[in-house]
Protein backbone atom coordinates (compact mmCIF):
# COMPACT_ATOMS: atom_id res chain seq x y z
CA MET A 1 -84.19 93.09 116.99
CA LYS A 2 -84.23 89.51 115.81
CA ILE A 3 -80.48 89.18 115.67
CA ARG A 4 -80.30 89.29 119.42
CA GLN A 5 -82.58 86.34 119.86
CA ARG A 6 -81.06 84.21 117.17
CA GLY A 7 -77.56 84.96 118.45
CA ILE A 8 -78.03 83.26 121.80
CA PHE A 9 -79.38 79.93 120.61
CA THR A 10 -77.13 77.55 118.71
CA VAL A 11 -76.74 73.81 118.20
CA GLY A 12 -76.24 73.27 121.89
CA ALA A 13 -79.42 75.06 122.83
CA LEU A 14 -81.32 72.37 121.02
CA LEU A 15 -79.21 69.35 121.89
CA ALA A 16 -79.16 70.17 125.58
CA ALA A 17 -82.87 70.73 126.13
CA GLY A 18 -83.21 67.44 127.94
CA SER A 19 -80.42 68.20 130.40
CA LEU A 20 -81.38 71.80 131.05
CA VAL A 21 -83.70 70.99 133.95
CA LEU A 22 -80.90 69.36 135.92
CA SER A 23 -78.51 72.20 135.23
CA ALA A 24 -81.05 74.79 136.26
CA CYS A 25 -81.21 73.45 139.81
CA GLY A 26 -79.85 75.80 142.42
CA GLY A 27 -79.74 79.60 142.41
CA ALA A 28 -82.42 81.72 140.78
CA GLN A 29 -84.86 79.83 138.60
CA PRO A 30 -84.96 80.50 134.84
CA GLY A 31 -86.86 83.63 133.94
CA GLN A 32 -87.23 84.93 137.49
CA SER A 33 -86.40 88.60 137.67
CA GLY A 34 -88.35 90.03 140.57
CA GLU A 35 -85.45 89.78 143.02
CA ALA A 36 -82.61 90.56 140.66
CA THR A 37 -79.84 92.57 142.25
CA GLY A 38 -77.88 95.18 140.37
CA SER A 39 -75.15 97.44 141.70
CA ASN A 40 -76.25 97.25 145.31
CA GLY A 41 -74.59 98.77 148.31
CA ASN A 42 -73.01 95.64 149.75
CA GLY A 43 -70.08 95.76 147.34
CA GLU A 44 -70.57 92.20 146.08
CA ALA A 45 -70.32 91.37 142.39
CA SER A 46 -73.43 90.39 140.47
CA ALA A 47 -74.38 89.21 136.99
CA TRP A 48 -77.54 88.89 134.96
CA ALA A 49 -77.52 86.06 132.43
CA LEU A 50 -79.93 84.58 129.90
CA THR A 51 -81.75 81.29 130.28
CA GLY A 52 -81.81 78.68 127.57
CA GLY A 53 -79.92 75.60 126.45
CA THR A 54 -76.23 74.90 126.62
CA HIS A 55 -75.23 78.52 127.21
CA GLU A 56 -77.10 78.59 130.49
CA ILE A 57 -75.51 75.31 131.51
CA ILE A 58 -72.02 76.55 130.66
CA TRP A 59 -72.48 79.85 132.49
CA ARG A 60 -73.95 78.21 135.58
CA ASP A 61 -71.05 75.77 135.78
CA SER A 62 -68.54 78.56 135.17
CA PHE A 63 -69.91 80.83 137.90
CA GLU A 64 -70.19 77.92 140.31
CA LYS A 65 -66.56 77.00 139.70
CA TRP A 66 -65.42 80.61 140.16
CA ASN A 67 -67.39 81.03 143.38
CA THR A 68 -66.05 77.77 144.79
CA GLU A 69 -62.44 78.67 144.05
CA ASN A 70 -62.79 82.38 144.92
CA SER A 71 -65.17 82.56 147.87
CA ASP A 72 -63.90 86.04 148.77
CA GLN A 73 -64.81 87.31 145.28
CA SER A 74 -68.05 85.46 144.63
CA ILE A 75 -70.49 86.59 141.95
CA SER A 76 -74.25 86.28 142.48
CA VAL A 77 -76.23 85.50 139.33
CA ASP A 78 -79.85 86.14 138.35
CA TRP A 79 -81.41 84.57 135.28
CA PHE A 80 -83.75 86.05 132.68
CA ALA A 81 -85.55 85.13 129.52
CA ASN A 82 -84.21 87.08 126.54
CA ASP A 83 -86.91 89.74 126.19
CA ALA A 84 -87.28 90.25 129.94
CA TYR A 85 -83.54 90.84 130.21
CA LYS A 86 -83.44 93.41 127.42
CA GLU A 87 -86.19 95.42 129.08
CA LYS A 88 -84.66 95.23 132.56
CA ILE A 89 -81.07 95.99 131.57
CA ARG A 90 -82.19 99.07 129.64
CA THR A 91 -83.72 100.52 132.80
CA ALA A 92 -80.90 99.35 135.06
CA ILE A 93 -78.15 100.87 132.91
CA GLY A 94 -79.95 104.19 132.79
CA SER A 95 -80.41 104.31 136.57
CA ASP A 96 -76.86 103.10 137.39
CA ASN A 97 -78.30 99.95 138.95
CA ALA A 98 -76.90 97.46 136.45
CA PRO A 99 -75.25 94.23 137.62
CA THR A 100 -71.47 94.17 137.75
CA LEU A 101 -71.30 91.89 134.71
CA VAL A 102 -73.45 93.32 131.93
CA PHE A 103 -74.52 90.85 129.23
CA GLY A 104 -74.60 92.33 125.74
CA TRP A 105 -74.32 91.87 121.99
CA GLY A 106 -71.61 94.36 121.06
CA GLY A 107 -72.12 96.78 118.20
CA ALA A 108 -73.99 100.05 118.62
CA THR A 109 -75.27 99.23 122.11
CA LEU A 110 -71.75 98.70 123.44
CA ARG A 111 -70.61 101.96 121.87
CA ASP A 112 -73.53 103.75 123.53
CA TYR A 113 -72.56 102.28 126.91
CA VAL A 114 -68.97 103.44 126.47
CA GLU A 115 -69.90 106.94 125.36
CA ALA A 116 -72.23 107.29 128.34
CA GLY A 117 -69.57 106.03 130.77
CA LYS A 118 -71.69 103.05 131.80
CA VAL A 119 -69.02 100.35 131.38
CA VAL A 120 -65.31 100.40 132.19
CA ASP A 121 -62.15 99.85 130.18
CA ILE A 122 -60.96 96.30 130.92
CA THR A 123 -58.00 96.23 128.52
CA ASP A 124 -55.35 95.74 131.20
CA ASP A 125 -57.49 93.32 133.20
CA VAL A 126 -58.34 90.62 130.63
CA LYS A 127 -55.07 90.19 128.76
CA ASP A 128 -54.86 86.46 129.52
CA SER A 129 -58.31 85.84 128.05
CA VAL A 130 -57.75 88.08 125.02
CA ASP A 131 -54.56 86.18 124.21
CA LYS A 132 -56.65 83.01 123.92
CA LEU A 133 -59.23 84.49 121.55
CA ILE A 134 -59.35 84.60 117.76
CA PRO A 135 -58.50 88.27 117.08
CA SER A 136 -61.51 88.96 114.85
CA ILE A 137 -63.80 87.72 117.65
CA ALA A 138 -62.05 89.63 120.41
CA ASP A 139 -62.33 92.77 118.27
CA GLY A 140 -66.07 92.75 118.90
CA GLY A 141 -65.37 94.03 122.40
CA ILE A 142 -63.21 96.97 121.30
CA VAL A 143 -64.36 100.60 121.27
CA ASP A 144 -61.86 103.33 120.38
CA GLY A 145 -58.96 100.90 120.62
CA LYS A 146 -59.76 99.62 124.11
CA TYR A 147 -61.54 96.52 125.39
CA TYR A 148 -64.89 97.20 127.02
CA ALA A 149 -66.33 93.72 126.54
CA LEU A 150 -65.19 90.10 126.36
CA PRO A 151 -66.89 87.27 124.42
CA ASN A 152 -68.70 84.71 126.55
CA VAL A 153 -70.07 82.16 124.04
CA GLY A 154 -69.21 80.66 120.69
CA THR A 155 -68.99 82.57 117.44
CA GLN A 156 -71.88 82.62 114.96
CA PRO A 157 -70.87 83.09 111.30
CA VAL A 158 -73.35 83.23 108.42
CA HIS A 159 -72.74 80.83 105.53
CA MET A 160 -74.39 78.77 102.80
CA TYR A 161 -76.34 75.55 103.40
CA TYR A 162 -77.06 73.06 100.61
CA ASN A 163 -79.34 70.07 100.08
CA LYS A 164 -76.64 67.81 98.69
CA GLN A 165 -79.13 65.21 97.46
CA LEU A 166 -80.84 67.75 95.21
CA PHE A 167 -77.49 68.84 93.79
CA GLU A 168 -76.58 65.24 93.00
CA GLU A 169 -79.95 64.57 91.36
CA GLN A 170 -79.49 67.59 89.08
CA GLY A 171 -75.84 66.83 88.37
CA LEU A 172 -74.71 70.14 89.86
CA GLU A 173 -71.66 71.10 91.89
CA ILE A 174 -71.75 73.27 94.99
CA PRO A 175 -71.35 76.86 93.66
CA GLN A 176 -68.02 78.53 94.31
CA THR A 177 -68.65 81.74 92.34
CA TRP A 178 -71.59 84.06 91.74
CA ASP A 179 -71.90 82.82 88.16
CA ASP A 180 -72.01 79.24 89.49
CA LEU A 181 -74.80 80.29 91.82
CA LEU A 182 -76.83 81.87 89.02
CA ASN A 183 -76.40 78.73 86.93
CA CYS A 184 -77.69 76.61 89.82
CA VAL A 185 -80.64 78.97 90.23
CA GLU A 186 -81.58 78.47 86.58
CA LYS A 187 -81.22 74.67 86.69
CA PHE A 188 -83.19 74.21 89.91
CA LYS A 189 -85.92 76.52 88.70
CA GLU A 190 -86.24 74.48 85.50
CA ALA A 191 -86.56 71.35 87.65
CA GLY A 192 -89.41 72.85 89.67
CA ILE A 193 -87.28 73.25 92.81
CA ILE A 194 -87.00 76.52 94.72
CA PRO A 195 -83.34 77.43 94.17
CA ILE A 196 -82.82 79.37 97.42
CA SER A 197 -84.89 79.29 100.59
CA LEU A 198 -85.46 82.78 101.99
CA ALA A 199 -87.66 83.81 104.91
CA GLY A 200 -88.47 87.13 103.30
CA ALA A 201 -91.11 88.03 105.87
CA SER A 202 -88.41 88.25 108.53
CA LYS A 203 -86.35 90.97 106.78
CA TRP A 204 -83.06 90.21 108.58
CA THR A 205 -82.65 87.04 106.51
CA SER A 206 -82.55 89.17 103.36
CA MET A 207 -80.07 91.48 105.08
CA MET A 208 -77.53 88.65 105.20
CA TRP A 209 -77.42 88.58 101.40
CA LEU A 210 -76.61 92.28 101.29
CA GLU A 211 -73.90 91.94 103.95
CA TYR A 212 -72.01 89.48 101.78
CA LEU A 213 -72.71 91.18 98.46
CA PHE A 214 -71.40 94.52 99.75
CA ASP A 215 -68.25 92.83 101.04
CA ARG A 216 -67.56 90.57 98.06
CA ILE A 217 -68.00 93.41 95.56
CA GLY A 218 -66.45 96.37 97.34
CA GLY A 219 -64.55 94.96 100.29
CA SER A 220 -65.05 95.75 103.96
CA GLU A 221 -64.28 99.42 103.32
CA VAL A 222 -67.74 100.01 101.84
CA PHE A 223 -69.63 99.32 105.05
CA ASP A 224 -66.86 100.86 107.13
CA ARG A 225 -67.59 104.17 105.41
CA ILE A 226 -71.24 103.78 106.35
CA THR A 227 -70.50 103.12 110.02
CA ASN A 228 -68.03 106.01 110.02
CA GLY A 229 -70.87 108.30 108.98
CA GLU A 230 -69.47 109.41 105.63
CA LYS A 231 -71.93 111.45 103.60
CA ASP A 232 -73.77 109.46 100.90
CA ALA A 233 -71.82 106.31 101.80
CA TRP A 234 -74.76 104.11 100.81
CA SER A 235 -74.42 105.44 97.25
CA ASP A 236 -70.95 103.97 96.80
CA PRO A 237 -70.84 102.32 93.33
CA ALA A 238 -70.08 98.96 94.95
CA ALA A 239 -73.12 99.34 97.19
CA ILE A 240 -75.38 100.14 94.25
CA GLU A 241 -74.01 97.13 92.37
CA ALA A 242 -74.60 94.89 95.39
CA LEU A 243 -78.17 96.09 95.77
CA GLY A 244 -78.68 95.43 92.08
CA LYS A 245 -77.36 91.88 92.35
CA ALA A 246 -79.80 91.17 95.17
CA GLN A 247 -82.64 92.24 92.90
CA GLU A 248 -81.09 90.19 90.11
CA LEU A 249 -81.68 87.10 92.25
CA VAL A 250 -85.27 88.09 92.94
CA LYS A 251 -85.99 88.72 89.24
CA ALA A 252 -84.41 85.37 88.34
CA GLY A 253 -86.88 83.59 90.62
CA ALA A 254 -84.11 82.45 92.95
CA PHE A 255 -86.33 82.61 96.03
CA GLY A 256 -89.50 81.19 94.49
CA ASP A 257 -92.85 82.94 94.41
CA ALA A 258 -93.83 82.88 98.10
CA TYR A 259 -90.64 83.94 99.88
CA GLY A 260 -92.33 87.08 101.17
CA SER A 261 -94.60 84.97 103.38
CA VAL A 262 -91.93 82.64 104.79
CA VAL A 263 -91.07 83.32 108.44
CA ALA A 264 -87.69 82.45 109.98
CA ASP A 265 -88.96 82.27 113.57
CA ALA A 266 -91.07 79.26 112.58
CA ASN A 267 -88.02 77.64 110.90
CA ALA A 268 -90.03 77.48 107.69
CA ASP A 269 -86.97 78.42 105.64
CA VAL A 270 -84.94 75.55 107.09
CA ALA A 271 -87.83 73.16 106.46
CA LEU A 272 -87.88 74.02 102.76
CA VAL A 273 -84.31 72.74 102.50
CA HIS A 274 -84.55 69.50 104.46
CA THR A 275 -87.89 68.55 102.86
CA GLY A 276 -86.35 68.86 99.41
CA LYS A 277 -88.42 71.83 98.29
CA ALA A 278 -85.43 74.20 98.17
CA ALA A 279 -81.80 73.55 97.31
CA MET A 280 -79.85 76.33 99.05
CA MET A 281 -80.05 78.76 101.96
CA LEU A 282 -77.90 81.53 103.43
CA HIS A 283 -78.18 81.46 107.21
CA GLY A 284 -76.28 81.66 110.47
CA SER A 285 -74.58 78.84 112.34
CA TRP A 286 -77.62 78.65 114.63
CA ALA A 287 -79.60 77.10 111.74
CA TYR A 288 -77.44 73.98 111.95
CA GLY A 289 -79.03 73.19 115.30
CA THR A 290 -82.45 73.49 113.72
CA PHE A 291 -81.49 70.96 111.07
CA LEU A 292 -80.29 68.58 113.79
CA THR A 293 -83.51 68.90 115.74
CA ASP A 294 -86.06 69.04 112.93
CA ALA A 295 -84.38 66.67 110.46
CA PRO A 296 -81.78 64.52 112.26
CA ASP A 297 -81.87 61.77 109.64
CA PHE A 298 -81.36 64.33 106.86
CA VAL A 299 -78.11 65.40 108.54
CA LYS A 300 -77.07 61.89 109.61
CA ASP A 301 -77.47 60.56 106.06
CA GLY A 302 -75.07 63.20 104.74
CA ASN A 303 -77.63 65.22 102.81
CA LEU A 304 -76.62 68.57 104.31
CA ALA A 305 -73.61 70.42 102.92
CA PHE A 306 -72.27 73.84 103.85
CA GLY A 307 -69.84 76.33 102.39
CA ALA A 308 -68.64 79.92 102.23
CA PHE A 309 -70.53 82.61 100.35
CA PRO A 310 -69.52 82.52 96.66
CA SER A 311 -66.83 84.83 95.32
CA ILE A 312 -67.74 87.46 92.74
CA GLU A 313 -65.55 87.91 89.66
CA GLY A 314 -63.95 91.33 89.63
CA GLY A 315 -64.96 92.02 93.21
CA LYS A 316 -62.53 93.78 95.54
CA GLY A 317 -63.55 91.82 98.62
CA ASP A 318 -61.56 89.01 100.18
CA PRO A 319 -63.47 85.71 99.73
CA SER A 320 -62.41 84.68 103.23
CA ALA A 321 -64.29 87.57 104.87
CA VAL A 322 -67.19 86.54 107.10
CA ALA A 323 -70.43 88.16 108.25
CA GLY A 324 -72.51 87.21 111.28
CA ASN A 325 -72.31 87.60 115.04
CA GLN A 326 -68.86 87.53 116.56
CA SER A 327 -70.26 86.41 119.91
CA ASN A 328 -72.21 87.61 122.93
CA PHE A 329 -70.27 89.59 125.53
CA TRP A 330 -69.68 90.49 129.17
CA SER A 331 -68.89 94.08 130.14
CA VAL A 332 -68.17 95.49 133.61
CA SER A 333 -70.50 98.14 135.00
CA ALA A 334 -68.94 101.46 135.97
CA ALA A 335 -71.59 101.84 138.68
CA SER A 336 -70.34 98.81 140.63
CA SER A 337 -68.02 99.09 143.60
CA GLU A 338 -64.28 98.68 143.16
CA GLN A 339 -64.52 95.38 145.03
CA ALA A 340 -67.21 94.07 142.69
CA GLN A 341 -65.35 95.24 139.58
CA THR A 342 -62.20 93.46 140.75
CA ALA A 343 -64.11 90.20 141.15
CA ALA A 344 -65.74 90.54 137.74
CA LYS A 345 -62.45 91.32 136.01
CA GLY A 346 -60.81 88.35 137.68
CA TYR A 347 -63.61 86.08 136.52
CA LEU A 348 -63.30 87.33 132.93
CA ASN A 349 -59.53 86.95 132.84
CA ASN A 350 -59.87 83.29 133.82
CA LEU A 351 -62.88 82.51 131.65
CA PHE A 352 -61.48 80.51 128.76
CA ASP A 353 -59.89 77.53 130.47
CA ASP A 354 -59.95 74.12 128.77
CA GLU A 355 -63.09 73.09 130.63
CA TYR A 356 -65.02 76.11 129.34
CA VAL A 357 -63.92 75.64 125.72
CA LYS A 358 -64.66 71.91 125.79
CA ALA A 359 -68.13 72.61 127.16
CA MET A 360 -68.83 74.91 124.22
CA VAL A 361 -67.69 72.28 121.73
CA ASP A 362 -69.70 69.54 123.44
CA GLY A 363 -72.75 71.78 123.14
CA GLY A 364 -72.20 72.40 119.43
CA ASP A 365 -70.81 75.94 119.69
CA ILE A 366 -68.05 77.12 117.34
CA PRO A 367 -65.42 78.14 119.93
CA PRO A 368 -63.99 81.70 119.78
CA THR A 369 -60.54 80.63 120.98
CA VAL A 370 -57.34 79.74 119.17
CA GLY A 371 -56.14 76.16 119.44
CA ALA A 372 -59.63 74.70 119.78
CA GLU A 373 -58.95 72.04 117.14
CA LYS A 374 -57.96 69.58 119.86
CA PHE A 375 -61.43 69.82 121.37
CA ILE A 376 -63.29 69.74 118.04
CA LYS A 377 -61.51 66.63 116.76
CA GLY A 378 -63.55 63.58 117.64
CA SER A 379 -66.53 65.61 118.87
CA GLU A 380 -70.05 64.64 117.88
CA GLN A 381 -70.38 67.49 115.36
CA GLU A 382 -66.76 67.44 114.20
CA ASP A 383 -67.44 68.03 110.49
CA TYR A 384 -69.59 71.09 110.98
CA LEU A 385 -67.55 72.59 113.82
CA THR A 386 -64.34 72.13 111.82
CA PHE A 387 -65.89 73.94 108.86
CA GLY A 388 -67.23 76.81 110.97
CA TYR A 389 -64.11 77.13 113.10
CA ASP A 390 -61.74 77.18 110.12
CA MET A 391 -63.98 79.69 108.36
CA VAL A 392 -63.76 82.13 111.27
CA LEU A 393 -60.14 81.41 112.15
CA ASN A 394 -58.97 82.12 108.60
CA SER A 395 -61.24 85.09 107.89
CA SER A 396 -59.66 88.40 106.93
CA ASN A 397 -62.59 90.32 108.39
CA PHE A 398 -65.65 89.51 110.52
CA GLN A 399 -68.49 91.91 109.81
CA LEU A 400 -71.00 92.15 112.64
CA SER A 401 -74.60 91.83 111.48
CA TRP A 402 -75.73 95.21 110.26
CA ASP A 403 -78.75 95.47 112.54
CA GLN A 404 -76.39 95.13 115.50
CA GLU A 405 -73.67 97.37 114.10
CA LEU A 406 -75.99 100.28 113.38
CA PRO A 407 -78.01 102.32 115.90
CA SER A 408 -81.47 100.89 116.60
CA ASP A 409 -83.41 103.61 114.75
CA THR A 410 -81.17 103.23 111.70
CA SER A 411 -81.51 99.44 111.87
CA GLN A 412 -85.29 99.62 111.66
CA THR A 413 -85.09 101.92 108.63
CA LEU A 414 -82.60 99.48 107.11
CA LEU A 415 -84.84 96.45 107.61
CA ASP A 416 -87.89 98.23 106.24
CA ASN A 417 -86.04 99.29 103.10
CA ILE A 418 -84.51 95.84 102.65
CA GLN A 419 -88.01 94.43 102.48
CA LEU A 420 -88.97 97.04 99.88
CA LEU A 421 -85.81 96.24 97.89
CA PHE A 422 -86.51 92.50 97.82
CA ASP A 423 -90.16 93.17 96.97
CA LEU A 424 -88.85 95.16 93.96
CA SER A 425 -90.82 98.15 95.26
CA ILE A 426 -87.78 100.44 95.19
CA THR A 427 -84.63 100.70 93.08
CA PRO A 428 -81.08 100.39 94.45
CA GLU A 429 -80.73 104.15 94.12
CA GLN A 430 -83.92 104.76 96.11
CA PHE A 431 -82.70 102.37 98.79
CA ALA A 432 -79.41 104.26 98.98
CA ASP A 433 -81.19 107.61 99.23
CA ALA A 434 -83.35 106.39 102.10
CA MET A 435 -80.34 105.05 104.00
CA ASN A 436 -78.16 108.08 103.29
CA ALA A 437 -80.79 110.14 105.08
CA THR A 438 -80.04 108.20 108.29
CA ILE A 439 -76.37 109.19 108.33
CA LYS A 440 -75.86 111.94 110.88
């Protein structure tokens, strides 16, 4: 699922490309997986981690520091490209040959691991780290009231991006409400500018609109009822209204005429904004790094603005609520030896020291820890990191991306029907019927 790939690369992944070669020296080389060791018989702790950008650099440095200071509890690490890892960990988990530290994305996969007894309860072992985390981010590692995973990178909220220059040229203010947004759509359309950039061919980009519309209109309870498996939960009046508002945007021409052929993986949606062809975009924090890489002068000259998703008059949702990816996570394999588990738990409980948090900030990550303002202030991307950090820190709820929250088979049905909804091929009621059929 696309969310998994986009979740691992952020600003730092792009800024650090030049220094990655140096940081990759030593240990297994990026992408090598032939000699990866899982829960082997020697009792030593192991980890499988993903290659790429600042995250790899941070993890390498962190493991090296742990191994130097705890030689009797060292952790061996093997490195994988994203897709290779997903394939290998699926087999390893099933055969009880997973590494001690299991890299994951939370959501339905974590719940499956817990239900199958593949990862252990670490609640009593990571209290020091949990105390340092923003609660809504730490919650991503909870299943049935217990911690089975701990965040290991920055947090990745979804929010609005704006071409400030286009707004100034049209005499428009950044929209704060849904009505403001619709007014901007009308004005930009009249000016021959695509109001909102949307990579409709990628499906998950359209999903982000629904995540916020459901929440702003009905509150977090609407999707909670869906994840709880309540019968006909997708037919909630707030859900139907949200689906209708999404189609309202399409019918108003908000996304232009060719949005169905725009692909997010090629960053075509981001390009529409920084080239002045589109005025707005709803996207994750990872898109900021794309702006920095593809249009550094556009950002440097102050033409990029960002903000929270607009509020909706009469909606029950809290305007501070956020959608996106809370983080990526480490879990501890139940198949590992007691000795290996002890080492892994010790590593996790000492993860978020000042050095680790500062490294995330320096790489452009929005840190998942409380008190990170001291590291953000004066950093190269202070304005953006302050916005993103405050947004998450002050959020009343952090909704994990739907295609991570839901089981994989349900997620595919969801994405397929989202495309049909945005193509105006089905009605909100037909969408709800199709999704209600997935509730077991």
